[in-house]
């Protein structure tokens, strides 16, 4: 994880996490999409996740398409 992401997480932008790898971020995004959490946008943009990564991790096609221009 780079310095900027560590700093962002430390400052409390995503105060649920203290240290998060890219793989853990993808899994967390899938869980957040299933629960309908609105904070998922911040996590996707912080790590620059793609629709393909999220779909391969197990997210439904409808929830990924519903994200609109963030992932496409």
N, C-alpha and C. Protein backbone atom coordinates (compact mmCIF):
# COMPACT_ATOMS: atom_id res chain seq x y z
N UNK A 1 0.85 -1.16 0.00
CA UNK A 1 0.00 0.00 0.00
C UNK A 1 0.90 1.23 0.00
N UNK A 2 0.55 2.19 -0.82
CA UNK A 2 1.35 3.40 -0.94
C UNK A 2 1.15 4.35 0.22
N UNK A 3 2.03 5.34 0.28
CA UNK A 3 1.98 6.31 1.38
C UNK A 3 0.68 7.09 1.40
N UNK A 4 0.20 7.50 0.23
CA UNK A 4 -1.02 8.31 0.18
C UNK A 4 -2.22 7.54 0.69
N UNK A 5 -2.34 6.27 0.31
CA UNK A 5 -3.47 5.48 0.78
C UNK A 5 -3.38 5.24 2.28
N UNK A 6 -2.17 4.98 2.78
CA UNK A 6 -2.00 4.82 4.22
C UNK A 6 -2.41 6.09 4.94
N UNK A 7 -1.99 7.23 4.40
CA UNK A 7 -2.31 8.50 5.01
C UNK A 7 -3.82 8.74 4.99
N UNK A 8 -4.47 8.45 3.86
CA UNK A 8 -5.91 8.65 3.76
C UNK A 8 -6.67 7.78 4.75
N UNK A 9 -6.26 6.53 4.87
CA UNK A 9 -6.90 5.64 5.82
C UNK A 9 -6.65 6.08 7.25
N UNK A 10 -5.44 6.57 7.51
CA UNK A 10 -5.08 7.01 8.85
C UNK A 10 -5.87 8.27 9.25
N UNK A 11 -6.14 9.15 8.30
CA UNK A 11 -6.85 10.38 8.59
C UNK A 11 -8.33 10.18 8.85
N UNK A 12 -8.81 8.98 8.57
CA UNK A 12 -10.19 8.68 8.88
C UNK A 12 -11.15 8.83 7.72
N UNK A 13 -10.64 8.92 6.51
CA UNK A 13 -11.54 9.00 5.36
C UNK A 13 -12.38 7.74 5.31
N UNK A 14 -11.77 6.62 5.53
CA UNK A 14 -12.49 5.35 5.68
C UNK A 14 -12.14 4.84 7.07
N UNK A 15 -12.83 5.35 8.07
CA UNK A 15 -12.45 5.07 9.45
C UNK A 15 -12.78 3.65 9.90
N UNK A 16 -13.29 2.81 9.02
CA UNK A 16 -13.51 1.41 9.37
C UNK A 16 -12.23 0.59 9.26
N UNK A 17 -11.28 1.07 8.49
CA UNK A 17 -10.09 0.30 8.19
C UNK A 17 -8.85 1.03 8.67
N UNK A 18 -7.88 0.29 9.16
CA UNK A 18 -6.61 0.90 9.51
C UNK A 18 -5.54 0.53 8.50
N UNK A 19 -5.63 -0.66 7.94
CA UNK A 19 -4.70 -1.11 6.92
C UNK A 19 -5.46 -2.09 6.03
N UNK A 20 -5.35 -1.90 4.71
CA UNK A 20 -6.17 -2.66 3.81
C UNK A 20 -5.39 -2.94 2.53
N UNK A 21 -5.31 -4.22 2.14
CA UNK A 21 -4.65 -4.55 0.88
C UNK A 21 -5.67 -4.46 -0.26
N UNK A 22 -5.19 -4.51 -1.48
CA UNK A 22 -6.08 -4.43 -2.63
C UNK A 22 -7.06 -5.60 -2.66
N UNK A 23 -6.58 -6.80 -2.35
CA UNK A 23 -7.45 -7.97 -2.34
C UNK A 23 -8.54 -7.83 -1.28
N UNK A 24 -8.16 -7.35 -0.10
CA UNK A 24 -9.14 -7.14 0.96
C UNK A 24 -10.14 -6.05 0.58
N UNK A 25 -9.66 -5.04 -0.16
CA UNK A 25 -10.54 -3.96 -0.60
C UNK A 25 -11.60 -4.49 -1.56
N UNK A 26 -11.20 -5.38 -2.47
CA UNK A 26 -12.16 -5.95 -3.42
C UNK A 26 -13.21 -6.76 -2.68
N UNK A 27 -12.79 -7.58 -1.71
CA UNK A 27 -13.73 -8.37 -0.93
C UNK A 27 -14.68 -7.47 -0.13
N UNK A 28 -14.15 -6.40 0.41
CA UNK A 28 -14.96 -5.47 1.19
C UNK A 28 -15.97 -4.76 0.30
N UNK A 29 -15.56 -4.40 -0.91
CA UNK A 29 -16.47 -3.75 -1.86
C UNK A 29 -17.63 -4.69 -2.20
N UNK A 30 -17.34 -5.97 -2.42
CA UNK A 30 -18.40 -6.93 -2.73
C UNK A 30 -19.38 -7.01 -1.57
N UNK A 31 -18.88 -7.07 -0.36
CA UNK A 31 -19.75 -7.12 0.83
C UNK A 31 -20.58 -5.84 0.95
N UNK A 32 -19.95 -4.71 0.70
CA UNK A 32 -20.65 -3.43 0.80
C UNK A 32 -21.74 -3.32 -0.26
N UNK A 33 -21.47 -3.82 -1.46
CA UNK A 33 -22.48 -3.80 -2.52
C UNK A 33 -23.67 -4.68 -2.16
N UNK A 34 -23.42 -5.83 -1.55
CA UNK A 34 -24.49 -6.72 -1.16
C UNK A 34 -25.35 -6.11 -0.06
N UNK A 35 -24.73 -5.30 0.81
CA UNK A 35 -25.46 -4.68 1.91
C UNK A 35 -26.06 -3.33 1.54
N UNK A 36 -25.73 -2.82 0.35
CA UNK A 36 -26.27 -1.53 -0.07
C UNK A 36 -25.63 -0.33 0.60
N UNK A 37 -24.39 -0.46 1.01
CA UNK A 37 -23.67 0.61 1.70
C UNK A 37 -23.28 1.71 0.72
N UNK A 38 -23.54 2.97 1.06
CA UNK A 38 -23.24 4.10 0.18
C UNK A 38 -21.76 4.48 0.18
N UNK A 39 -21.00 4.05 1.17
CA UNK A 39 -19.58 4.39 1.25
C UNK A 39 -18.72 3.59 0.29
N UNK A 40 -19.34 2.73 -0.49
CA UNK A 40 -18.60 1.88 -1.41
C UNK A 40 -17.90 2.72 -2.48
N UNK A 41 -18.46 3.85 -2.86
CA UNK A 41 -17.87 4.71 -3.88
C UNK A 41 -16.47 5.18 -3.48
N UNK A 42 -16.32 5.57 -2.24
CA UNK A 42 -15.02 6.06 -1.76
C UNK A 42 -13.96 4.97 -1.81
N UNK A 43 -14.32 3.77 -1.47
CA UNK A 43 -13.36 2.67 -1.47
C UNK A 43 -12.98 2.26 -2.89
N UNK A 44 -13.94 2.29 -3.80
CA UNK A 44 -13.66 1.95 -5.20
C UNK A 44 -12.71 2.98 -5.81
N UNK A 45 -12.97 4.24 -5.58
CA UNK A 45 -12.12 5.27 -6.16
C UNK A 45 -10.75 5.35 -5.48
N UNK A 46 -10.68 5.05 -4.20
CA UNK A 46 -9.40 5.08 -3.49
C UNK A 46 -8.43 4.06 -4.08
N UNK A 47 -8.92 2.87 -4.38
CA UNK A 47 -8.07 1.82 -4.91
C UNK A 47 -8.11 1.72 -6.44
N UNK A 48 -8.99 2.45 -7.09
CA UNK A 48 -9.08 2.39 -8.54
C UNK A 48 -9.52 1.03 -9.04
N UNK A 49 -10.49 0.45 -8.39
CA UNK A 49 -10.95 -0.89 -8.74
C UNK A 49 -11.72 -0.86 -10.06
N UNK A 50 -11.63 -1.97 -10.80
CA UNK A 50 -12.34 -2.09 -12.06
C UNK A 50 -13.55 -2.99 -11.89
N UNK A 51 -14.48 -2.89 -12.84
CA UNK A 51 -15.67 -3.71 -12.81
C UNK A 51 -15.31 -5.19 -12.90
N UNK A 52 -14.31 -5.50 -13.70
CA UNK A 52 -13.90 -6.89 -13.87
C UNK A 52 -13.42 -7.50 -12.55
N UNK A 53 -12.62 -6.75 -11.80
CA UNK A 53 -12.12 -7.25 -10.51
C UNK A 53 -13.28 -7.54 -9.55
N UNK A 54 -14.23 -6.63 -9.52
CA UNK A 54 -15.35 -6.77 -8.58
C UNK A 54 -16.25 -7.93 -8.99
N UNK A 55 -16.48 -8.09 -10.30
CA UNK A 55 -17.29 -9.20 -10.77
C UNK A 55 -16.62 -10.54 -10.49
N UNK A 56 -15.31 -10.62 -10.69
CA UNK A 56 -14.59 -11.87 -10.42
C UNK A 56 -14.60 -12.22 -8.94
N UNK A 57 -14.73 -11.21 -8.09
CA UNK A 57 -14.75 -11.46 -6.65
C UNK A 57 -16.11 -11.93 -6.16
N UNK A 58 -17.13 -11.86 -7.03
CA UNK A 58 -18.43 -12.40 -6.65
C UNK A 58 -19.57 -11.42 -6.56
N UNK A 59 -19.38 -10.21 -7.01
CA UNK A 59 -20.49 -9.24 -6.99
C UNK A 59 -21.47 -9.57 -8.11
N UNK A 60 -22.71 -9.20 -7.92
CA UNK A 60 -23.71 -9.45 -8.96
C UNK A 60 -23.54 -8.44 -10.09
N UNK A 61 -23.90 -8.87 -11.28
CA UNK A 61 -23.78 -8.03 -12.46
C UNK A 61 -24.62 -6.77 -12.32
N UNK A 62 -25.81 -6.90 -11.75
CA UNK A 62 -26.72 -5.77 -11.60
C UNK A 62 -26.15 -4.69 -10.68
N UNK A 63 -25.50 -5.12 -9.59
CA UNK A 63 -24.94 -4.12 -8.67
C UNK A 63 -23.75 -3.39 -9.29
N UNK A 64 -22.98 -4.08 -10.12
CA UNK A 64 -21.84 -3.44 -10.78
C UNK A 64 -22.34 -2.47 -11.85
N UNK A 65 -23.31 -2.87 -12.62
CA UNK A 65 -23.87 -1.98 -13.65
C UNK A 65 -24.54 -0.78 -12.97
N UNK A 66 -25.12 -0.99 -11.82
CA UNK A 66 -25.77 0.10 -11.09
C UNK A 66 -24.79 1.16 -10.60
N UNK A 67 -23.52 0.85 -10.56
CA UNK A 67 -22.51 1.81 -10.12
C UNK A 67 -22.29 2.90 -11.18
N UNK A 68 -22.70 2.64 -12.39
CA UNK A 68 -22.63 3.65 -13.45
C UNK A 68 -21.22 3.96 -13.91
N UNK A 69 -20.93 5.23 -14.02
CA UNK A 69 -19.68 5.69 -14.63
C UNK A 69 -18.44 5.49 -13.74
N UNK A 70 -18.62 5.14 -12.51
CA UNK A 70 -17.46 4.94 -11.64
C UNK A 70 -16.66 3.73 -12.10
N UNK A 71 -17.34 2.69 -12.51
CA UNK A 71 -16.65 1.45 -12.88
C UNK A 71 -16.51 1.24 -14.37
N UNK A 72 -17.31 1.90 -15.18
CA UNK A 72 -17.30 1.62 -16.62
C UNK A 72 -16.46 2.61 -17.37
